[in-house]
Amino acid sequence: MLTPIGNSVAESWEGVKNGKNGIGPITRFDTASFSGFPVCFAGEVKRFDPLDWIGKKDIKKMDLFIQYAVASASMAMDDAEIKIDDKLAPKAGVIIGSGIGGLPAIERTHNILKEKGPRKISPFFIPMVITNLASGHVSMIHGAKGPNSCITTACATGTHAIGDSFRLIQRGEADLMIAGGTESVISPLAVGGFAAAKALSTRNDDPATASRPWDKDRDGFVMGEGAGIVVLEEMERAKERGAKIYAEIIGYGMSSDAYHITSPHPEGEGAASCMASALKDAVVKPEDVDYINAHGTSTGADVVETNAVKKVFGGHAYNIAISSTKSMTGHLLGAAGGIEAIFCAKALEEGVIPPTINHFEPAEGCDLFYVPNKAVKKDLNVVLSNSFGFGGTNATLIMRKV
């Protein structure tokens, strides 16, 4: 993974365990060059050098979201200690999604078009920006000749990509999948657009505490960037080759609110049905769930997710540890589900629940245990990860300890 708090799984995981804040002033562009730009902070990936992972000639063919995906996928394959040979290739696939794709390159190229004309547009412009080229590059680099696809479901993208990959392996259509989400749209148009939609925090005077899920004074989400990629493998095959197994995915749920383009259903119907579907798929009881990595965006939707959890888990909702790692990373949009699935796997492996930082005073109706400000050590057996996106699209993954 690449996140605003680390350029590897180890660094990012240590960061969330210790409540590290990854939010700071925007450096991707000069916010001061725009009159009255409303939001001047975000969660940026720091110290990333694409040359560590990509040949110099290929970098210019990829906008940053693709570079992040390629780097993270290579990290994941190295960690899995597997190379795709001719025998495995037809049953090895890639599903890496992005919520928005190459918007920064579109902005840059539009300026070139206006200032210098169409002859100065790069021949790599189109493959640089379309979202499925993240999966495309990864499949070419690693020789994966099986299913190759791209999910674009807003903030549920990464979770859908992993869940759909899980289904492909269950059905026997793949033995190994490289899956997750990637995003990098800290650009004037994206930040300005989300701000215009009143979705972003405007706490410019104190960005470190701007992402505060379930807090009384939350005022919007904080945009983040990065990638989270996992290697999924059929269990018996993984055991046979002696793979390091972090967790087993056992359930996947999907639903739609069918309600509004940006707001969740006020009663949490879609979120609740999504979690219920995942529980049914996993064949586990609600009381078996120990931890939920919530969507938890630091918006009004936090109350909706809380109510959905109560609806699904009943009295057990008050026994479940719930946290939002977005309080530290910001909201990585299409990449959020990817990194949060990894945090869930690491939580299972180490028995550590990452906190929700910046939790000062609970908002009305937010009365569950949100692991405020400090990690909790607890032996975990079953964990759940939620991702909900614009358009009312919902995704839930359930994992258990191996």
Protein backbone atom coordinates (compact mmCIF):
# COMPACT_ATOMS: atom_id res chain seq x y z
CA MET A 1 0.00 0.00 0.00
CA LEU A 2 0.81 3.64 -0.45
CA THR A 3 -0.98 6.00 1.93
CA PRO A 4 -0.62 9.49 3.41
CA ILE A 5 0.97 7.87 6.46
CA GLY A 6 3.38 5.44 4.81
CA ASN A 7 4.81 4.04 1.59
CA SER A 8 4.46 0.39 2.58
CA VAL A 9 2.16 -1.88 4.54
CA ALA A 10 4.59 -1.94 7.48
CA GLU A 11 4.92 1.86 7.66
CA SER A 12 1.20 2.51 7.16
CA TRP A 13 0.16 -0.13 9.68
CA GLU A 14 2.56 1.21 12.31
CA GLY A 15 1.14 4.64 11.60
CA VAL A 16 -2.51 3.72 12.15
CA LYS A 17 -1.71 1.70 15.26
CA ASN A 18 -0.04 4.76 16.74
CA GLY A 19 -2.67 7.27 15.63
CA LYS A 20 -0.40 9.01 13.13
CA ASN A 21 -1.93 11.91 11.25
CA GLY A 22 -1.28 12.03 7.48
CA ILE A 23 -3.14 15.26 6.72
CA GLY A 24 -1.38 18.51 5.84
CA PRO A 25 -1.24 21.47 3.43
CA ILE A 26 -1.71 20.66 -0.26
CA THR A 27 1.57 20.64 -2.20
CA ARG A 28 0.27 19.11 -5.45
CA PHE A 29 -0.79 22.56 -6.66
CA ASP A 30 -0.67 26.14 -5.40
CA THR A 31 -4.01 26.79 -3.73
CA ALA A 32 -3.03 30.46 -3.31
CA SER A 33 -3.01 30.91 -7.09
CA PHE A 34 -6.81 30.58 -7.03
CA SER A 35 -8.83 33.37 -5.54
CA GLY A 36 -10.67 32.14 -2.45
CA PHE A 37 -9.85 28.44 -2.92
CA PRO A 38 -11.98 26.82 -0.19
CA VAL A 39 -9.86 23.84 0.92
CA CYS A 40 -6.08 23.97 1.26
CA PHE A 41 -5.23 20.61 2.85
CA ALA A 42 -5.39 16.90 2.02
CA GLY A 43 -3.77 13.55 2.73
CA GLU A 44 -0.92 13.30 0.23
CA VAL A 45 1.44 10.39 -0.38
CA LYS A 46 4.92 11.61 0.51
CA ARG A 47 8.39 10.78 -0.81
CA PHE A 48 7.09 8.51 -3.58
CA ASP A 49 9.60 7.91 -6.37
CA PRO A 50 8.10 6.04 -9.33
CA LEU A 51 11.60 5.11 -10.50
CA ASP A 52 11.75 2.67 -7.58
CA TRP A 53 9.09 0.61 -9.37
CA ILE A 54 8.72 1.75 -12.99
CA GLY A 55 11.13 2.21 -15.90
CA LYS A 56 11.83 5.82 -16.83
CA LYS A 57 10.29 5.48 -20.32
CA ASP A 58 7.07 4.01 -18.92
CA ILE A 59 6.44 6.67 -16.27
CA LYS A 60 5.29 9.19 -18.88
CA LYS A 61 2.59 6.71 -19.99
CA MET A 62 0.96 6.68 -16.55
CA ASP A 63 -0.83 9.28 -14.51
CA LEU A 64 -0.08 9.05 -10.79
CA PHE A 65 -3.00 6.73 -9.95
CA ILE A 66 -1.54 4.12 -12.31
CA GLN A 67 1.95 4.57 -10.86
CA TYR A 68 0.55 3.99 -7.38
CA ALA A 69 -1.23 0.83 -8.53
CA VAL A 70 1.86 -0.58 -10.24
CA ALA A 71 4.05 0.10 -7.21
CA SER A 72 1.54 -1.34 -4.73
CA ALA A 73 0.85 -4.42 -6.86
CA SER A 74 4.58 -5.11 -7.10
CA MET A 75 4.90 -4.77 -3.32
CA ALA A 76 2.02 -7.21 -2.88
CA MET A 77 3.48 -9.77 -5.28
CA ASP A 78 6.88 -9.51 -3.59
CA ASP A 79 5.24 -10.02 -0.19
CA ALA A 80 3.29 -13.02 -1.53
CA GLU A 81 6.59 -14.47 -2.83
CA ILE A 82 4.99 -15.60 -6.05
CA LYS A 83 5.70 -15.14 -9.73
CA ILE A 84 3.11 -15.90 -12.39
CA ASP A 85 4.50 -18.64 -14.66
CA ASP A 86 3.06 -20.01 -17.88
CA LYS A 87 1.02 -22.61 -16.01
CA LEU A 88 -0.57 -20.13 -13.60
CA ALA A 89 -1.00 -17.25 -16.07
CA PRO A 90 -4.42 -18.25 -17.52
CA LYS A 91 -5.85 -18.54 -13.98
CA ALA A 92 -4.21 -15.36 -12.62
CA GLY A 93 -6.12 -12.10 -12.97
CA VAL A 94 -6.25 -8.45 -12.00
CA ILE A 95 -9.09 -6.22 -10.83
CA ILE A 96 -7.87 -2.81 -9.74
CA GLY A 97 -10.37 0.02 -9.64
CA SER A 98 -10.27 3.78 -9.40
CA GLY A 99 -13.11 6.12 -8.53
CA ILE A 100 -12.05 8.96 -10.82
CA GLY A 101 -8.86 7.93 -12.67
CA GLY A 102 -6.57 10.36 -14.41
CA LEU A 103 -8.28 13.68 -13.76
CA PRO A 104 -4.99 15.54 -13.03
CA ALA A 105 -3.63 14.53 -16.45
CA ILE A 106 -6.89 15.66 -18.05
CA GLU A 107 -6.51 19.06 -16.38
CA ARG A 108 -2.86 19.40 -17.46
CA THR A 109 -3.59 18.34 -21.02
CA HIS A 110 -6.55 20.66 -21.34
CA ASN A 111 -4.25 23.55 -20.44
CA ILE A 112 -1.77 22.39 -23.09
CA LEU A 113 -4.56 22.23 -25.65
CA LYS A 114 -5.67 25.78 -24.86
CA GLU A 115 -2.17 27.24 -24.73
CA LYS A 116 -0.30 25.29 -27.44
CA GLY A 117 -2.90 23.51 -29.57
CA PRO A 118 -3.78 19.88 -30.30
CA ARG A 119 -0.42 18.96 -31.83
CA LYS A 120 1.18 19.24 -28.39
CA ILE A 121 -1.09 16.64 -26.80
CA SER A 122 0.88 13.57 -25.72
CA PRO A 123 0.16 10.39 -27.70
CA PHE A 124 0.02 8.68 -24.30
CA PHE A 125 -2.72 10.97 -23.02
CA ILE A 126 -5.67 8.56 -23.38
CA PRO A 127 -3.97 5.46 -21.91
CA MET A 128 -2.58 7.73 -19.19
CA VAL A 129 -6.03 8.63 -17.87
CA ILE A 130 -8.51 5.79 -18.45
CA THR A 131 -9.14 3.83 -15.29
CA ASN A 132 -8.67 0.28 -16.55
CA LEU A 133 -5.04 0.96 -17.48
CA ALA A 134 -4.10 0.43 -13.83
CA SER A 135 -5.21 -3.20 -14.18
CA GLY A 136 -3.78 -3.33 -17.69
CA HIS A 137 -0.26 -2.30 -16.70
CA VAL A 138 -0.24 -4.63 -13.69
CA SER A 139 -1.36 -7.59 -15.81
CA MET A 140 1.34 -6.89 -18.39
CA ILE A 141 4.09 -6.44 -15.82
CA HIS A 142 3.26 -9.66 -13.96
CA GLY A 143 2.02 -11.77 -16.88
CA ALA A 144 -1.51 -12.29 -15.55
CA LYS A 145 -3.58 -13.60 -18.49
CA GLY A 146 -6.79 -14.45 -16.63
CA PRO A 147 -9.70 -12.13 -15.77
CA ASN A 148 -8.75 -8.48 -16.20
CA SER A 149 -11.19 -5.78 -15.20
CA CYS A 150 -11.67 -2.41 -13.56
CA ILE A 151 -14.27 -1.41 -11.01
CA THR A 152 -15.46 2.20 -10.79
CA THR A 153 -18.00 2.54 -8.00
CA ALA A 154 -16.91 5.77 -6.34
CA CYS A 155 -15.80 5.22 -2.74
CA ALA A 156 -16.81 1.54 -2.76
CA THR A 157 -14.41 0.76 -5.62
CA GLY A 158 -11.59 -0.98 -3.73
CA THR A 159 -13.96 -3.17 -1.74
CA HIS A 160 -15.92 -4.17 -4.84
CA ALA A 161 -12.66 -5.02 -6.65
CA ILE A 162 -11.56 -7.35 -3.86
CA GLY A 163 -15.04 -8.82 -3.44
CA ASP A 164 -15.48 -9.51 -7.15
CA SER A 165 -12.03 -11.12 -7.22
CA PHE A 166 -13.06 -13.30 -4.27
CA ARG A 167 -16.10 -14.43 -6.27
CA LEU A 168 -13.97 -15.32 -9.32
CA ILE A 169 -11.79 -17.58 -7.17
CA GLN A 170 -14.84 -19.12 -5.47
CA ARG A 171 -16.30 -19.98 -8.88
CA GLY A 172 -13.06 -21.55 -10.05
CA GLU A 173 -12.48 -18.94 -12.77
CA ALA A 174 -9.20 -17.86 -11.17
CA ASP A 175 -6.66 -19.26 -8.74
CA LEU A 176 -4.98 -15.95 -7.98
CA MET A 177 -6.14 -12.35 -8.23
CA ILE A 178 -4.31 -9.07 -7.77
CA ALA A 179 -7.03 -6.75 -6.48
CA GLY A 180 -7.71 -3.40 -4.86
CA GLY A 181 -8.07 0.29 -5.51
CA THR A 182 -5.95 3.29 -6.46
CA GLU A 183 -6.57 7.03 -6.56
CA SER A 184 -4.74 10.32 -6.99
CA VAL A 185 -6.93 13.34 -7.68
CA ILE A 186 -5.56 16.01 -5.38
CA SER A 187 -5.96 18.55 -8.15
CA PRO A 188 -7.72 21.91 -8.46
CA LEU A 189 -10.76 20.52 -10.27
CA ALA A 190 -11.30 17.54 -7.95
CA VAL A 191 -10.73 19.39 -4.69
CA GLY A 192 -12.72 22.36 -5.94
CA GLY A 193 -15.53 20.09 -7.13
CA PHE A 194 -15.89 18.17 -3.87
CA ALA A 195 -15.73 21.48 -1.99
CA ALA A 196 -18.49 22.91 -4.20
CA ALA A 197 -20.60 19.87 -3.27
CA LYS A 198 -20.07 20.79 0.41
CA ALA A 199 -18.48 17.39 0.98
CA LEU A 200 -15.06 18.48 2.29
CA SER A 201 -13.93 19.80 5.64
CA THR A 202 -12.88 23.44 5.47
CA ARG A 203 -10.82 23.36 8.67
CA ASN A 204 -7.90 25.11 6.98
CA ASP A 205 -6.63 26.48 10.29
CA ASP A 206 -6.25 22.99 11.81
CA PRO A 207 -5.95 20.28 9.13
CA ALA A 208 -4.49 17.73 11.56
CA THR A 209 -7.86 17.43 13.32
CA ALA A 210 -10.07 17.97 10.27
CA SER A 211 -10.97 14.30 9.76
CA ARG A 212 -13.03 13.47 12.85
CA PRO A 213 -15.55 10.67 12.24
CA TRP A 214 -18.56 10.56 14.59
CA ASP A 215 -17.42 13.76 16.29
CA LYS A 216 -19.91 16.50 17.12
CA ASP A 217 -17.90 19.13 15.23
CA ARG A 218 -17.09 17.17 12.07
CA ASP A 219 -17.61 19.27 8.96
CA GLY A 220 -16.79 17.01 6.00
CA PHE A 221 -14.26 14.50 4.77
CA VAL A 222 -10.60 15.10 3.95
CA MET A 223 -9.40 14.00 0.54
CA GLY A 224 -6.58 11.46 0.49
CA GLU A 225 -4.66 9.52 -2.15
CA GLY A 226 -2.76 6.27 -2.55
CA ALA A 227 -3.37 2.61 -3.32
CA GLY A 228 -4.14 -0.62 -1.50
CA ILE A 229 -3.58 -3.91 -3.35
CA VAL A 230 -3.90 -7.48 -2.11
CA VAL A 231 -3.01 -10.86 -3.57
CA LEU A 232 -5.96 -13.23 -3.22
CA GLU A 233 -5.26 -16.92 -3.66
CA GLU A 234 -7.31 -20.08 -3.42
CA MET A 235 -6.73 -21.34 0.13
CA GLU A 236 -5.51 -24.89 -0.56
CA ARG A 237 -3.16 -23.66 -3.26
CA ALA A 238 -1.73 -21.04 -0.90
CA LYS A 239 -1.23 -23.60 1.87
CA GLU A 240 0.39 -26.05 -0.53
CA ARG A 241 3.06 -23.57 -1.57
CA GLY A 242 3.62 -22.38 2.02
CA ALA A 243 2.33 -18.85 1.44
CA LYS A 244 2.12 -16.32 4.26
CA ILE A 245 -1.62 -16.00 4.86
CA TYR A 246 -2.82 -12.88 6.67
CA ALA A 247 -6.55 -13.61 6.66
CA GLU A 248 -9.31 -15.50 4.88
CA ILE A 249 -12.07 -13.64 3.06
CA ILE A 250 -15.31 -15.43 3.87
CA GLY A 251 -18.12 -13.04 2.95
CA TYR A 252 -19.03 -10.30 0.48
CA GLY A 253 -22.14 -8.18 0.25
CA MET A 254 -23.38 -5.60 -2.27
CA SER A 255 -26.42 -3.35 -2.37
CA SER A 256 -27.81 -0.06 -3.63
CA ASP A 257 -29.65 2.65 -1.75
CA ALA A 258 -31.59 3.61 -4.90
CA TYR A 259 -32.11 6.93 -3.20
CA HIS A 260 -29.82 9.91 -4.03
CA ILE A 261 -26.73 10.76 -6.09
CA THR A 262 -24.56 11.74 -3.11
CA SER A 263 -26.47 11.13 0.15
CA PRO A 264 -27.05 7.71 1.72
CA HIS A 265 -30.56 6.56 2.53
CA PRO A 266 -31.39 8.33 5.83
CA GLU A 267 -32.50 5.06 7.44
CA GLY A 268 -29.33 3.27 6.34
CA GLU A 269 -31.30 0.69 4.37
CA GLY A 270 -28.63 0.02 1.77
CA ALA A 271 -25.79 -0.12 4.29
CA ALA A 272 -27.76 -2.49 6.52
CA SER A 273 -28.78 -4.84 3.69
CA CYS A 274 -25.19 -4.89 2.44
CA MET A 275 -23.81 -5.94 5.82
CA ALA A 276 -26.61 -8.48 6.26
CA SER A 277 -25.84 -9.99 2.84
CA ALA A 278 -22.16 -10.30 3.71
CA LEU A 279 -22.98 -12.01 7.01
CA LYS A 280 -25.27 -14.46 5.23
CA ASP A 281 -22.61 -15.15 2.60
CA ALA A 282 -19.99 -15.75 5.28
CA VAL A 283 -22.34 -18.00 7.29
CA VAL A 284 -21.51 -16.17 10.50
CA LYS A 285 -23.82 -14.77 13.15
CA PRO A 286 -23.87 -11.04 13.90
CA GLU A 287 -22.52 -11.73 17.39
CA ASP A 288 -19.43 -13.38 15.84
CA VAL A 289 -18.13 -10.04 14.51
CA ASP A 290 -15.43 -8.49 16.70
CA TYR A 291 -14.42 -5.39 14.75
CA ILE A 292 -15.76 -3.15 12.00
CA ASN A 293 -13.52 -0.92 9.92
CA ALA A 294 -16.26 1.57 9.14
CA HIS A 295 -16.74 3.75 6.11
CA GLY A 296 -16.65 6.56 8.69
CA THR A 297 -16.01 9.59 6.51
CA SER A 298 -16.41 12.48 9.01
CA THR A 299 -19.67 13.60 7.39
CA GLY A 300 -23.35 13.43 8.24
CA ALA A 301 -23.36 9.89 6.88
CA ASP A 302 -21.54 8.72 10.04
CA VAL A 303 -24.87 8.67 11.91
CA VAL A 304 -26.49 6.70 9.10
CA GLU A 305 -23.77 4.03 9.27
CA THR A 306 -24.11 3.89 13.06
CA ASN A 307 -27.86 3.32 12.72
CA ALA A 308 -27.28 0.65 10.07
CA VAL A 309 -24.89 -1.19 12.40
CA LYS A 310 -27.50 -1.09 15.17
CA LYS A 311 -30.14 -2.39 12.76
CA VAL A 312 -28.01 -5.37 11.71
CA PHE A 313 -26.28 -6.22 14.99
CA GLY A 314 -28.92 -5.28 17.54
CA GLY A 315 -27.61 -5.21 21.10
CA HIS A 316 -24.28 -6.68 19.96
CA ALA A 317 -23.56 -3.37 18.20
CA TYR A 318 -22.47 -2.03 21.59
CA ASN A 319 -19.95 -4.87 21.99
CA ILE A 320 -18.24 -4.38 18.62
CA ALA A 321 -15.13 -2.23 18.29
CA ILE A 322 -15.68 0.19 15.41
CA SER A 323 -13.07 2.57 14.03
CA SER A 324 -12.37 4.76 11.03
CA THR A 325 -8.80 4.80 9.79
CA LYS A 326 -9.90 7.68 7.55
CA SER A 327 -9.36 9.85 10.62
CA MET A 328 -5.63 9.37 9.89
CA THR A 329 -5.38 8.74 6.15
CA GLY A 330 -8.21 10.94 4.94
CA HIS A 331 -10.63 9.47 2.42
CA LEU A 332 -8.80 7.76 -0.45
CA LEU A 333 -11.99 7.57 -2.53
CA GLY A 334 -11.61 4.57 -4.88
CA ALA A 335 -8.54 3.33 -2.98
CA ALA A 336 -10.18 3.47 0.47
CA GLY A 337 -11.55 -0.08 0.42
CA GLY A 338 -8.19 -1.49 -0.64
CA ILE A 339 -6.18 0.00 2.19
CA GLU A 340 -8.91 -0.66 4.73
CA ALA A 341 -9.08 -4.34 3.77
CA ILE A 342 -5.35 -4.53 4.45
CA PHE A 343 -5.78 -2.82 7.81
CA CYS A 344 -8.45 -5.43 8.66
CA ALA A 345 -6.12 -8.28 7.70
CA LYS A 346 -3.33 -6.83 9.83
CA ALA A 347 -5.72 -6.31 12.74
CA LEU A 348 -6.61 -10.00 12.59
CA GLU A 349 -2.98 -11.02 12.33
CA GLU A 350 -1.71 -8.91 15.25
CA GLY A 351 -4.78 -8.59 17.46
CA VAL A 352 -4.65 -4.79 17.38
CA ILE A 353 -7.60 -2.52 16.58
CA PRO A 354 -6.53 0.83 15.10
CA PRO A 355 -8.14 3.90 16.68
CA THR A 356 -10.36 6.70 15.47
CA ILE A 357 -8.28 9.79 16.17
CA ASN A 358 -9.73 13.30 16.61
CA HIS A 359 -12.68 11.86 18.49
CA PHE A 360 -13.34 14.61 21.01
CA GLU A 361 -17.09 14.66 21.66
CA PRO A 362 -19.52 12.17 20.10
CA ALA A 363 -22.18 13.53 17.77
CA GLU A 364 -25.81 13.03 18.68
CA GLY A 365 -26.84 9.46 17.89
CA CYS A 366 -23.22 8.24 17.72
CA ASP A 367 -23.06 6.16 20.90
CA LEU A 368 -21.12 3.04 19.91
CA PHE A 369 -17.50 2.19 20.78
CA TYR A 370 -15.41 3.96 18.13
CA VAL A 371 -11.98 3.09 19.65
CA PRO A 372 -11.34 6.75 20.47
CA ASN A 373 -7.83 8.09 19.97
CA LYS A 374 -5.86 5.03 21.07
CA ALA A 375 -5.47 1.52 19.63
CA VAL A 376 -6.88 -1.44 21.54
CA LYS A 377 -5.29 -4.87 21.83
CA LYS A 378 -7.82 -7.66 21.41
CA ASP A 379 -7.78 -11.15 19.97
CA LEU A 380 -9.94 -10.95 16.85
CA ASN A 381 -11.59 -13.77 14.92
CA VAL A 382 -14.03 -12.08 12.52
CA VAL A 383 -13.83 -8.53 11.15
CA LEU A 384 -15.95 -6.55 8.72
CA SER A 385 -15.04 -3.69 6.37
CA ASN A 386 -17.60 -1.24 4.93
CA SER A 387 -17.36 1.00 1.87
CA PHE A 388 -20.22 3.15 0.59
CA GLY A 389 -20.13 5.39 -2.48
CA PHE A 390 -21.90 8.18 -4.33
CA GLY A 391 -24.82 6.86 -6.32
CA GLY A 392 -25.86 4.75 -3.34
CA THR A 393 -23.48 1.86 -4.05
CA ASN A 394 -22.45 -0.26 -1.04
CA ALA A 395 -19.91 -3.00 -0.43
CA THR A 396 -18.97 -5.09 2.62
CA LEU A 397 -16.18 -7.63 3.11
CA ILE A 398 -15.90 -10.09 5.98
CA MET A 399 -12.61 -11.76 6.94
CA ARG A 400 -11.61 -14.22 9.60
CA LYS A 401 -8.41 -15.21 11.30
CA VAL A 402 -6.56 -18.19 9.87
